[in-house]
Amino acid sequence: MAVKIKLMRLGKIRQPYYRVVVADARTRRSGRAIETIGKYHPKNDPSLIEIDSERAQYWLGVGAQPTESVQHLLEITGDWQKFKGLPGAEGTLKPQKEKADKLALFQAALAAAGEEPTTEATTPKKKADKRPKAEEADAAEAESTES
């Protein structure tokens, strides 16, 4: 059985993200996988590439063939150089920006506002129904027919 390391596409239209999977070569692009060894988010800046190096080395060692795109990702992370015994095994992967802690951002905004809200609620109140109710309409009709 031929085994390939390939990308499984997930996500919405124009917002793709991929899983790096080990699968039988005969399966569909996003079909059944033997194992998931990483993920790739190309829309992030810089692109997020996370590959389990130990599992990638294992699958390359037992003969799994990476697709061109996965081979390029493995070169960026340095796993391909490590497998082939080439120099530059540290790779050229750019680190991700640190995400700001949401609680810290909220606390800072609260401190900037002086610990109290500056405006009232902006949700408008419901307006009263100006149409007469059915019972009142019936009573009005009854009065008009009596006279």
N, C-alpha and C. Protein backbone atom coordinates (compact mmCIF):
# COMPACT_ATOMS: atom_id res chain seq x y z
N MET A 1 0.85 -1.18 0.00
CA MET A 1 0.00 0.00 0.00
C MET A 1 0.89 1.24 0.00
N ALA A 2 0.67 2.14 -0.95
CA ALA A 2 1.43 3.39 -1.03
C ALA A 2 0.82 4.40 -0.06
N VAL A 3 1.68 4.99 0.75
CA VAL A 3 1.23 5.96 1.74
C VAL A 3 1.80 7.33 1.38
N LYS A 4 0.95 8.34 1.47
CA LYS A 4 1.38 9.71 1.18
C LYS A 4 1.13 10.59 2.39
N ILE A 5 1.96 11.62 2.51
CA ILE A 5 1.73 12.68 3.49
C ILE A 5 1.19 13.84 2.66
N LYS A 6 -0.07 14.22 2.94
CA LYS A 6 -0.70 15.24 2.11
C LYS A 6 -1.54 16.19 2.96
N LEU A 7 -2.10 17.20 2.30
CA LEU A 7 -2.92 18.20 2.98
C LEU A 7 -4.40 17.84 2.83
N MET A 8 -5.13 17.92 3.94
CA MET A 8 -6.58 17.74 3.94
C MET A 8 -7.20 19.12 4.11
N ARG A 9 -7.98 19.55 3.11
CA ARG A 9 -8.53 20.91 3.15
C ARG A 9 -9.77 20.96 4.03
N LEU A 10 -9.81 21.98 4.86
CA LEU A 10 -10.96 22.27 5.71
C LEU A 10 -11.25 23.76 5.59
N GLY A 11 -12.33 24.22 6.20
CA GLY A 11 -12.63 25.65 6.22
C GLY A 11 -13.69 26.03 5.21
N LYS A 12 -13.93 27.33 5.13
CA LYS A 12 -14.96 27.86 4.26
C LYS A 12 -14.36 28.31 2.92
N ILE A 13 -15.24 28.80 2.05
CA ILE A 13 -14.79 29.33 0.77
C ILE A 13 -13.91 30.54 1.05
N ARG A 14 -12.76 30.60 0.44
CA ARG A 14 -11.76 31.66 0.58
C ARG A 14 -11.20 31.81 1.99
N GLN A 15 -11.43 30.84 2.85
CA GLN A 15 -10.83 30.82 4.18
C GLN A 15 -10.34 29.41 4.48
N PRO A 16 -9.41 28.90 3.69
CA PRO A 16 -9.00 27.52 3.89
C PRO A 16 -8.01 27.37 5.05
N TYR A 17 -8.04 26.20 5.65
CA TYR A 17 -6.95 25.77 6.51
C TYR A 17 -6.81 24.27 6.28
N TYR A 18 -5.66 23.76 6.57
CA TYR A 18 -5.35 22.39 6.20
C TYR A 18 -4.83 21.59 7.38
N ARG A 19 -5.06 20.28 7.33
CA ARG A 19 -4.41 19.35 8.24
C ARG A 19 -3.38 18.59 7.42
N VAL A 20 -2.23 18.38 8.02
CA VAL A 20 -1.20 17.55 7.37
C VAL A 20 -1.49 16.13 7.83
N VAL A 21 -1.85 15.26 6.89
CA VAL A 21 -2.27 13.91 7.25
C VAL A 21 -1.46 12.86 6.50
N VAL A 22 -1.41 11.69 7.08
CA VAL A 22 -0.83 10.52 6.43
C VAL A 22 -2.01 9.67 5.98
N ALA A 23 -2.08 9.38 4.67
CA ALA A 23 -3.23 8.66 4.13
C ALA A 23 -2.78 7.75 3.00
N ASP A 24 -3.62 6.78 2.69
CA ASP A 24 -3.42 5.91 1.55
C ASP A 24 -3.44 6.78 0.29
N ALA A 25 -2.59 6.52 -0.65
CA ALA A 25 -2.48 7.33 -1.86
C ALA A 25 -3.75 7.29 -2.70
N ARG A 26 -4.58 6.27 -2.52
CA ARG A 26 -5.79 6.13 -3.34
C ARG A 26 -6.98 6.90 -2.79
N THR A 27 -6.87 7.47 -1.59
CA THR A 27 -8.00 8.19 -1.00
C THR A 27 -8.14 9.58 -1.60
N ARG A 28 -9.34 10.17 -1.42
CA ARG A 28 -9.61 11.52 -1.89
C ARG A 28 -8.75 12.52 -1.13
N ARG A 29 -8.74 13.77 -1.61
CA ARG A 29 -7.95 14.82 -0.97
C ARG A 29 -8.35 14.99 0.49
N SER A 30 -9.64 15.04 0.76
CA SER A 30 -10.11 15.23 2.12
C SER A 30 -10.79 13.97 2.65
N GLY A 31 -10.32 12.83 2.18
CA GLY A 31 -10.91 11.56 2.59
C GLY A 31 -10.33 11.05 3.89
N ARG A 32 -10.50 9.77 4.11
CA ARG A 32 -10.08 9.14 5.35
C ARG A 32 -8.55 9.16 5.48
N ALA A 33 -8.09 9.49 6.68
CA ALA A 33 -6.66 9.58 6.93
C ALA A 33 -6.24 8.51 7.95
N ILE A 34 -5.00 8.08 7.85
CA ILE A 34 -4.44 7.14 8.83
C ILE A 34 -4.10 7.88 10.11
N GLU A 35 -3.45 9.04 9.96
CA GLU A 35 -3.03 9.82 11.13
C GLU A 35 -2.89 11.29 10.74
N THR A 36 -3.23 12.16 11.67
CA THR A 36 -3.03 13.60 11.48
C THR A 36 -1.74 13.97 12.20
N ILE A 37 -0.81 14.57 11.47
CA ILE A 37 0.48 14.90 12.09
C ILE A 37 0.74 16.41 12.18
N GLY A 38 -0.19 17.23 11.71
CA GLY A 38 0.05 18.67 11.82
C GLY A 38 -1.08 19.49 11.24
N LYS A 39 -0.87 20.81 11.25
CA LYS A 39 -1.85 21.72 10.66
C LYS A 39 -1.13 22.89 10.00
N TYR A 40 -1.86 23.49 9.04
CA TYR A 40 -1.31 24.58 8.25
C TYR A 40 -2.42 25.58 7.98
N HIS A 41 -2.22 26.83 8.44
CA HIS A 41 -3.19 27.91 8.23
C HIS A 41 -2.52 28.97 7.36
N PRO A 42 -2.74 28.94 6.03
CA PRO A 42 -2.04 29.86 5.14
C PRO A 42 -2.52 31.30 5.22
N LYS A 43 -3.72 31.56 5.71
CA LYS A 43 -4.26 32.92 5.74
C LYS A 43 -3.72 33.75 6.91
N ASN A 44 -3.14 33.12 7.92
CA ASN A 44 -2.57 33.88 9.03
C ASN A 44 -1.31 34.60 8.55
N ASP A 45 -0.93 35.65 9.27
CA ASP A 45 0.27 36.39 8.89
C ASP A 45 1.22 36.43 10.08
N PRO A 46 2.32 35.75 10.10
CA PRO A 46 2.80 34.77 9.13
C PRO A 46 2.00 33.47 9.21
N SER A 47 2.08 32.66 8.17
CA SER A 47 1.32 31.42 8.11
C SER A 47 1.65 30.53 9.29
N LEU A 48 0.62 29.88 9.83
CA LEU A 48 0.80 28.97 10.96
C LEU A 48 1.12 27.59 10.41
N ILE A 49 2.27 27.05 10.81
CA ILE A 49 2.67 25.70 10.41
C ILE A 49 3.06 24.97 11.67
N GLU A 50 2.29 23.94 12.02
CA GLU A 50 2.61 23.10 13.17
C GLU A 50 2.64 21.66 12.70
N ILE A 51 3.81 21.04 12.76
CA ILE A 51 3.96 19.65 12.36
C ILE A 51 4.67 18.90 13.48
N ASP A 52 4.12 17.75 13.86
CA ASP A 52 4.73 16.90 14.87
C ASP A 52 5.97 16.26 14.25
N SER A 53 7.13 16.79 14.60
CA SER A 53 8.39 16.38 13.97
C SER A 53 8.68 14.89 14.16
N GLU A 54 8.40 14.39 15.34
CA GLU A 54 8.68 12.97 15.63
C GLU A 54 7.86 12.06 14.72
N ARG A 55 6.56 12.35 14.57
CA ARG A 55 5.70 11.52 13.72
C ARG A 55 6.05 11.69 12.24
N ALA A 56 6.42 12.90 11.84
CA ALA A 56 6.81 13.12 10.45
C ALA A 56 8.07 12.31 10.12
N GLN A 57 9.04 12.32 11.04
CA GLN A 57 10.27 11.54 10.83
C GLN A 57 9.96 10.05 10.74
N TYR A 58 9.04 9.58 11.59
CA TYR A 58 8.67 8.16 11.56
C TYR A 58 8.07 7.79 10.21
N TRP A 59 7.09 8.58 9.75
CA TRP A 59 6.42 8.24 8.50
C TRP A 59 7.35 8.37 7.29
N LEU A 60 8.22 9.36 7.30
CA LEU A 60 9.21 9.46 6.22
C LEU A 60 10.15 8.26 6.26
N GLY A 61 10.50 7.82 7.47
CA GLY A 61 11.41 6.69 7.63
C GLY A 61 10.84 5.37 7.14
N VAL A 62 9.52 5.20 7.25
CA VAL A 62 8.92 3.94 6.80
C VAL A 62 8.46 4.01 5.34
N GLY A 63 8.75 5.13 4.65
CA GLY A 63 8.53 5.18 3.21
C GLY A 63 7.36 6.02 2.73
N ALA A 64 6.73 6.79 3.60
CA ALA A 64 5.64 7.65 3.13
C ALA A 64 6.20 8.76 2.27
N GLN A 65 5.52 9.05 1.16
CA GLN A 65 5.98 10.07 0.22
C GLN A 65 5.19 11.36 0.43
N PRO A 66 5.85 12.48 0.70
CA PRO A 66 5.11 13.74 0.84
C PRO A 66 4.76 14.31 -0.53
N THR A 67 3.63 15.01 -0.60
CA THR A 67 3.28 15.73 -1.83
C THR A 67 4.21 16.95 -1.91
N GLU A 68 4.20 17.65 -3.05
CA GLU A 68 5.09 18.81 -3.22
C GLU A 68 4.83 19.88 -2.17
N SER A 69 3.56 20.16 -1.93
CA SER A 69 3.23 21.21 -0.96
C SER A 69 3.65 20.81 0.45
N VAL A 70 3.46 19.56 0.83
CA VAL A 70 3.86 19.11 2.16
C VAL A 70 5.38 19.08 2.26
N GLN A 71 6.07 18.70 1.19
CA GLN A 71 7.53 18.71 1.22
C GLN A 71 8.05 20.12 1.45
N HIS A 72 7.40 21.11 0.84
CA HIS A 72 7.80 22.50 1.05
C HIS A 72 7.59 22.90 2.51
N LEU A 73 6.47 22.49 3.10
CA LEU A 73 6.22 22.78 4.51
C LEU A 73 7.25 22.10 5.41
N LEU A 74 7.60 20.87 5.06
CA LEU A 74 8.62 20.14 5.84
C LEU A 74 9.98 20.81 5.73
N GLU A 75 10.28 21.42 4.57
CA GLU A 75 11.53 22.16 4.43
C GLU A 75 11.52 23.42 5.29
N ILE A 76 10.38 24.08 5.40
CA ILE A 76 10.28 25.29 6.23
C ILE A 76 10.48 24.94 7.70
N THR A 77 9.89 23.83 8.14
CA THR A 77 10.04 23.45 9.55
C THR A 77 11.39 22.79 9.84
N GLY A 78 12.09 22.35 8.82
CA GLY A 78 13.39 21.72 9.00
C GLY A 78 13.34 20.22 9.09
N ASP A 79 12.16 19.62 9.01
CA ASP A 79 12.03 18.17 9.12
C ASP A 79 12.58 17.45 7.89
N TRP A 80 12.45 18.06 6.73
CA TRP A 80 12.96 17.43 5.50
C TRP A 80 14.49 17.36 5.53
N GLN A 81 15.14 18.46 5.98
CA GLN A 81 16.60 18.46 6.06
C GLN A 81 17.08 17.43 7.09
N LYS A 82 16.35 17.32 8.19
CA LYS A 82 16.72 16.35 9.22
C LYS A 82 16.60 14.93 8.67
N PHE A 83 15.55 14.66 7.88
CA PHE A 83 15.34 13.34 7.30
C PHE A 83 16.41 13.01 6.28
N LYS A 84 16.77 13.97 5.44
CA LYS A 84 17.77 13.75 4.39
C LYS A 84 19.21 13.89 4.88
N GLY A 85 19.39 14.43 6.10
CA GLY A 85 20.74 14.63 6.63
C GLY A 85 21.43 15.85 6.03
N LEU A 86 20.67 16.84 5.63
CA LEU A 86 21.21 18.05 5.04
C LEU A 86 21.44 19.11 6.11
N PRO A 87 22.30 20.09 5.85
CA PRO A 87 22.46 21.18 6.82
C PRO A 87 21.22 22.09 6.80
N GLY A 88 21.03 22.83 7.87
CA GLY A 88 19.88 23.74 7.96
C GLY A 88 18.66 23.06 8.55
N ALA A 89 18.87 22.15 9.49
CA ALA A 89 17.77 21.41 10.08
C ALA A 89 16.90 22.27 11.01
N GLU A 90 17.35 23.50 11.30
CA GLU A 90 16.54 24.35 12.17
C GLU A 90 15.35 24.96 11.42
N GLY A 91 15.39 24.99 10.09
CA GLY A 91 14.28 25.49 9.29
C GLY A 91 14.20 27.00 9.27
N THR A 92 13.23 27.51 8.53
CA THR A 92 13.05 28.96 8.39
C THR A 92 11.67 29.40 8.87
N LEU A 93 11.11 28.67 9.81
CA LEU A 93 9.77 28.95 10.30
C LEU A 93 9.76 30.24 11.10
N LYS A 94 8.85 31.17 10.73
CA LYS A 94 8.72 32.44 11.44
C LYS A 94 7.81 32.22 12.65
N PRO A 95 8.15 32.78 13.79
CA PRO A 95 7.29 32.59 14.97
C PRO A 95 6.00 33.39 14.86
N GLN A 96 4.95 32.88 15.49
CA GLN A 96 3.66 33.56 15.51
C GLN A 96 3.69 34.70 16.52
N LYS A 97 2.86 35.70 16.26
CA LYS A 97 2.72 36.81 17.20
C LYS A 97 2.00 36.29 18.45
N GLU A 98 2.38 36.84 19.60
CA GLU A 98 1.71 36.46 20.84
C GLU A 98 0.31 37.06 20.85
N LYS A 99 -0.67 36.24 21.20
CA LYS A 99 -2.04 36.74 21.28
C LYS A 99 -2.21 37.50 22.58
N ALA A 100 -2.91 38.61 22.52
CA ALA A 100 -3.15 39.41 23.71
C ALA A 100 -4.19 38.70 24.58
N ASP A 101 -3.98 38.73 25.88
CA ASP A 101 -4.90 38.12 26.80
C ASP A 101 -6.19 38.95 26.85
N LYS A 102 -7.32 38.33 26.58
CA LYS A 102 -8.58 39.07 26.50
C LYS A 102 -8.96 39.68 27.85
N LEU A 103 -8.69 38.97 28.93
CA LEU A 103 -9.02 39.50 30.25
C LEU A 103 -8.19 40.74 30.55
N ALA A 104 -6.90 40.72 30.17
CA ALA A 104 -6.04 41.88 30.40
C ALA A 104 -6.51 43.07 29.57
N LEU A 105 -6.93 42.83 28.34
CA LEU A 105 -7.45 43.90 27.49
C LEU A 105 -8.72 44.49 28.09
N PHE A 106 -9.59 43.64 28.60
CA PHE A 106 -10.82 44.11 29.22
C PHE A 106 -10.53 44.95 30.46
N GLN A 107 -9.60 44.47 31.30
CA GLN A 107 -9.25 45.21 32.51
C GLN A 107 -8.66 46.58 32.16
N ALA A 108 -7.84 46.64 31.11
CA ALA A 108 -7.25 47.91 30.69
C ALA A 108 -8.32 48.86 30.18
N ALA A 109 -9.27 48.35 29.41
CA ALA A 109 -10.35 49.19 28.91
C ALA A 109 -11.24 49.68 30.05
N LEU A 110 -11.46 48.83 31.04
CA LEU A 110 -12.27 49.21 32.19
C LEU A 110 -11.57 50.29 33.00
N ALA A 111 -10.25 50.16 33.16
CA ALA A 111 -9.49 51.17 33.89
C ALA A 111 -9.49 52.50 33.12
N ALA A 112 -9.43 52.44 31.82
CA ALA A 112 -9.44 53.66 31.01
C ALA A 112 -10.80 54.35 31.09
N ALA A 113 -11.86 53.60 31.28
CA ALA A 113 -13.20 54.17 31.38
C ALA A 113 -13.49 54.69 32.78
N GLY A 114 -12.58 54.54 33.69
CA GLY A 114 -12.77 55.05 35.05
C GLY A 114 -13.64 54.14 35.90
N GLU A 115 -13.61 52.86 35.64
CA GLU A 115 -14.32 51.85 36.43
C GLU A 115 -15.85 51.98 36.37
N GLU A 116 -16.40 52.77 35.45
CA GLU A 116 -17.85 52.86 35.34
C GLU A 116 -18.21 53.15 33.89
N PRO A 117 -19.37 52.71 33.47
CA PRO A 117 -19.77 52.95 32.08
C PRO A 117 -20.02 54.44 31.85
N THR A 118 -19.70 54.90 30.64
CA THR A 118 -19.83 56.33 30.33
C THR A 118 -21.17 56.66 29.71
N THR A 119 -21.89 55.69 29.18
CA THR A 119 -23.18 55.96 28.54
C THR A 119 -24.21 54.97 29.06
N GLU A 120 -25.45 55.30 28.80
CA GLU A 120 -26.54 54.40 29.17
C GLU A 120 -26.67 53.32 28.10
N ALA A 121 -27.55 52.39 28.35
CA ALA A 121 -27.80 51.32 27.39
C ALA A 121 -28.35 51.92 26.10
N THR A 122 -27.96 51.37 24.98
CA THR A 122 -28.38 51.93 23.70
C THR A 122 -29.52 51.16 23.06
N THR A 123 -30.02 50.13 23.72
CA THR A 123 -31.11 49.36 23.15
C THR A 123 -32.41 50.16 23.31
N PRO A 124 -33.12 50.45 22.22
CA PRO A 124 -34.36 51.25 22.35
C PRO A 124 -35.46 50.44 23.01
N LYS A 125 -36.37 51.16 23.69
CA LYS A 125 -37.50 50.49 24.32
C LYS A 125 -38.51 50.12 23.26
N LYS A 126 -39.33 49.10 23.57
CA LYS A 126 -40.38 48.71 22.64
C LYS A 126 -41.44 49.80 22.59
N LYS A 127 -41.93 50.07 21.41
CA LYS A 127 -42.98 51.07 21.26
C LYS A 127 -44.34 50.41 21.53
N ALA A 128 -45.26 51.18 22.07
CA ALA A 128 -46.60 50.66 22.37
C ALA A 128 -47.33 50.40 21.06
N ASP A 129 -48.17 49.38 21.08
CA ASP A 129 -48.95 49.03 19.90
C ASP A 129 -50.08 50.04 19.76
N LYS A 130 -50.13 50.80 18.67
CA LYS A 130 -51.11 51.86 18.48
C LYS A 130 -52.43 51.35 17.92
N ARG A 131 -52.45 50.13 17.44
CA ARG A 131 -53.69 49.56 16.91
C ARG A 131 -54.60 49.19 18.08
N PRO A 132 -55.90 49.40 17.94
CA PRO A 132 -56.81 49.02 19.03
C PRO A 132 -56.86 47.50 19.17
N LYS A 133 -57.00 47.04 20.40
CA LYS A 133 -57.08 45.60 20.63
C LYS A 133 -58.38 45.07 20.07
N ALA A 134 -58.45 43.79 19.84
CA ALA A 134 -59.60 43.17 19.22
C ALA A 134 -60.86 43.36 20.06
N GLU A 135 -60.75 43.25 21.40
CA GLU A 135 -61.92 43.41 22.27
C GLU A 135 -62.44 44.84 22.21
N GLU A 136 -61.56 45.81 22.24
CA GLU A 136 -61.97 47.20 22.17
C GLU A 136 -62.61 47.52 20.83
N ALA A 137 -62.09 46.92 19.76
CA ALA A 137 -62.65 47.14 18.43
C ALA A 137 -64.06 46.58 18.35
N ASP A 138 -64.28 45.40 18.95
CA ASP A 138 -65.61 44.79 18.94
C ASP A 138 -66.59 45.66 19.73
N ALA A 139 -66.16 46.20 20.87
CA ALA A 139 -67.02 47.05 21.70
C ALA A 139 -67.36 48.34 20.95
N ALA A 140 -66.39 48.90 20.24
CA ALA A 140 -66.63 50.12 19.47
C ALA A 140 -67.62 49.86 18.35
N GLU A 141 -67.53 48.73 17.71
CA GLU A 141 -68.46 48.37 16.63
C GLU A 141 -69.88 48.17 17.18
N ALA A 142 -69.97 47.54 18.37
CA ALA A 142 -71.28 47.29 18.98
C ALA A 142 -71.97 48.60 19.33
N GLU A 143 -71.21 49.55 19.85
CA GLU A 143 -71.78 50.86 20.21
C GLU A 143 -72.27 51.60 18.97
N SER A 144 -71.51 51.51 17.89
CA SER A 144 -71.89 52.21 16.66
C SER A 144 -73.13 51.60 16.02
N THR A 145 -73.35 50.31 16.16
CA THR A 145 -74.53 49.67 15.57
C THR A 145 -75.77 49.91 16.42
N GLU A 146 -75.62 50.12 17.75
CA GLU A 146 -76.76 50.36 18.63
C GLU A 146 -77.36 51.73 18.37
N SER A 147 -76.58 52.70 18.03
CA SER A 147 -77.13 54.03 17.87
C SER A 147 -77.73 54.28 16.53
